[in-house]
Protein backbone atom coordinates (compact mmCIF):
# COMPACT_ATOMS: atom_id res chain seq x y z
CA MET A 1 14.71 11.46 -17.64
CA ASP A 2 11.10 12.66 -16.46
CA LYS A 3 9.70 12.37 -12.92
CA LYS A 4 7.57 9.44 -13.50
CA PHE A 5 10.78 7.85 -15.27
CA ARG A 6 12.78 7.65 -12.13
CA ARG A 7 9.97 6.60 -9.85
CA LEU A 8 9.48 3.55 -11.83
CA ARG A 9 13.50 3.02 -11.44
CA ARG A 10 13.20 3.24 -8.12
CA ALA A 11 10.55 1.00 -7.46
CA ARG A 12 11.98 -1.72 -9.61
CA LYS A 13 14.77 -1.69 -7.36
CA THR A 14 12.71 -2.36 -4.41
CA ARG A 15 10.54 -5.00 -6.56
CA ALA A 16 13.76 -6.90 -7.09
CA LYS A 17 14.60 -6.76 -3.35
CA ILE A 18 11.39 -7.88 -1.77
CA ALA A 19 11.36 -10.94 -4.83
CA GLU A 20 14.57 -11.44 -3.60
CA LEU A 21 13.26 -12.04 -0.19
CA GLY A 22 10.13 -14.16 -1.73
CA ALA A 23 7.31 -12.53 0.50
CA ILE A 24 4.00 -11.42 0.31
CA ARG A 25 4.57 -7.18 -0.28
CA LEU A 26 1.92 -4.20 0.78
CA CYS A 27 2.25 -2.01 -2.64
CA VAL A 28 0.93 1.02 -2.28
CA HIS A 29 -0.10 3.60 -5.44
CA ARG A 30 -1.22 7.53 -5.17
CA SER A 31 -2.49 9.75 -7.20
CA ASN A 32 -3.82 13.65 -6.54
CA THR A 33 -7.13 12.02 -5.63
CA HIS A 34 -6.84 9.02 -3.89
CA ILE A 35 -5.10 6.03 -2.68
CA TYR A 36 -4.74 2.30 -3.29
CA ALA A 37 -3.08 -0.37 -1.15
CA GLN A 38 -2.85 -4.39 -2.59
CA LEU A 39 -1.47 -7.57 -0.88
CA ILE A 40 0.28 -9.65 -3.83
CA ASP A 41 1.97 -13.02 -2.97
CA ALA A 42 5.07 -13.64 -3.07
CA THR A 43 5.20 -14.61 -6.73
CA GLY A 44 3.85 -11.45 -7.78
CA GLY A 45 0.62 -12.76 -9.79
CA ASN A 46 -1.81 -12.78 -7.63
CA VAL A 47 -3.71 -9.93 -5.40
CA LEU A 48 -4.44 -11.27 -2.62
CA ALA A 49 -6.69 -8.43 -0.87
CA SER A 50 -6.58 -4.54 -1.99
CA ALA A 51 -8.27 -1.34 -0.72
CA SER A 52 -8.55 2.30 -1.89
CA SER A 53 -10.21 5.28 -1.09
CA LEU A 54 -12.32 4.54 -4.32
CA GLU A 55 -14.12 1.49 -2.82
CA LYS A 56 -18.35 2.78 -1.93
CA ASP A 57 -17.93 2.34 1.88
CA MET A 58 -14.55 4.71 2.03
CA ARG A 59 -16.30 7.37 -0.61
CA THR A 60 -19.19 7.61 2.04
CA GLN A 61 -17.24 7.37 4.99
CA LEU A 62 -14.23 10.11 3.85
CA LYS A 63 -14.64 13.30 2.77
CA ASN A 64 -11.78 13.41 0.24
CA GLY A 65 -9.29 10.46 -1.12
CA GLY A 66 -6.53 12.73 -1.52
CA ASN A 67 -4.87 13.32 2.12
CA VAL A 68 -3.43 11.68 5.20
CA ASP A 69 -6.84 11.00 6.69
CA ALA A 70 -7.44 8.76 3.54
CA ALA A 71 -4.54 6.73 3.83
CA LYS A 72 -4.91 6.23 7.40
CA ALA A 73 -7.80 4.83 6.51
CA ILE A 74 -7.02 2.72 4.09
CA GLY A 75 -4.03 1.00 6.33
CA GLN A 76 -6.28 0.14 8.81
CA LEU A 77 -8.89 -1.36 6.01
CA ILE A 78 -5.83 -3.35 4.02
CA ALA A 79 -4.65 -4.18 7.34
CA GLU A 80 -8.00 -5.93 8.61
CA LYS A 81 -8.37 -7.83 5.20
CA ALA A 82 -4.69 -8.74 6.11
CA LYS A 83 -5.51 -10.43 9.29
CA ALA A 84 -9.08 -12.13 7.55
CA ILE A 85 -6.92 -13.93 5.15
CA GLY A 86 -4.28 -14.94 7.82
CA VAL A 87 -1.54 -12.99 6.59
CA GLU A 88 0.40 -10.92 9.71
CA LYS A 89 4.08 -10.29 7.84
CA VAL A 90 4.47 -8.17 4.32
CA SER A 91 7.49 -6.29 2.79
CA PHE A 92 6.48 -2.65 2.37
CA ASP A 93 6.63 -1.53 -1.31
CA ARG A 94 6.36 2.27 -1.88
CA ALA A 95 6.67 1.85 -5.11
CA GLY A 96 9.01 4.34 -5.62
CA PHE A 97 7.17 7.48 -3.80
CA ALA A 98 8.66 9.08 -1.08
CA PHE A 99 8.14 7.59 2.35
CA HIS A 100 6.54 10.49 3.84
CA GLY A 101 3.08 12.44 3.68
CA ARG A 102 0.10 10.18 3.02
CA VAL A 103 2.37 6.92 2.22
CA LYS A 104 4.08 7.31 5.54
CA ALA A 105 0.57 7.46 6.98
CA LEU A 106 -1.02 4.30 5.11
CA ALA A 107 2.25 2.31 6.66
CA GLU A 108 1.57 3.29 10.05
CA ALA A 109 -1.48 2.99 10.08
CA ALA A 110 -1.35 -0.72 8.84
CA ARG A 111 1.09 -1.13 11.56
CA GLU A 112 -0.62 0.14 14.57
CA HIS A 113 -3.50 -2.11 13.43
CA GLY A 114 -1.52 -5.69 13.25
CA LEU A 115 0.74 -5.93 9.64
CA GLN A 116 4.26 -6.28 10.48
CA PHE A 117 7.35 -4.89 8.36
């Protein structure tokens, strides 16, 4: 098994549990250079809101899209977008990534700005 396959296998288990709960999920993906977050409805078919370090205003605001500061900014942005559409409670889907570093920073920033999970 390669590294990507193991990560996707972990992600599948998490997503199955979230689907069982029927909750809106905050899905996070990170690459070496950027970080992305999406709010996906309970059916898994629609993206309600998204934020990434690739967005034009984020690119001007951030020096680097692949660090902890960028993750904190994206966490704050996704929390604000969630509040704007009336979402307060979500399930956190880390997509098989370890809950530390940038993924943890995004989650903590989202919690600080009003998302509950």
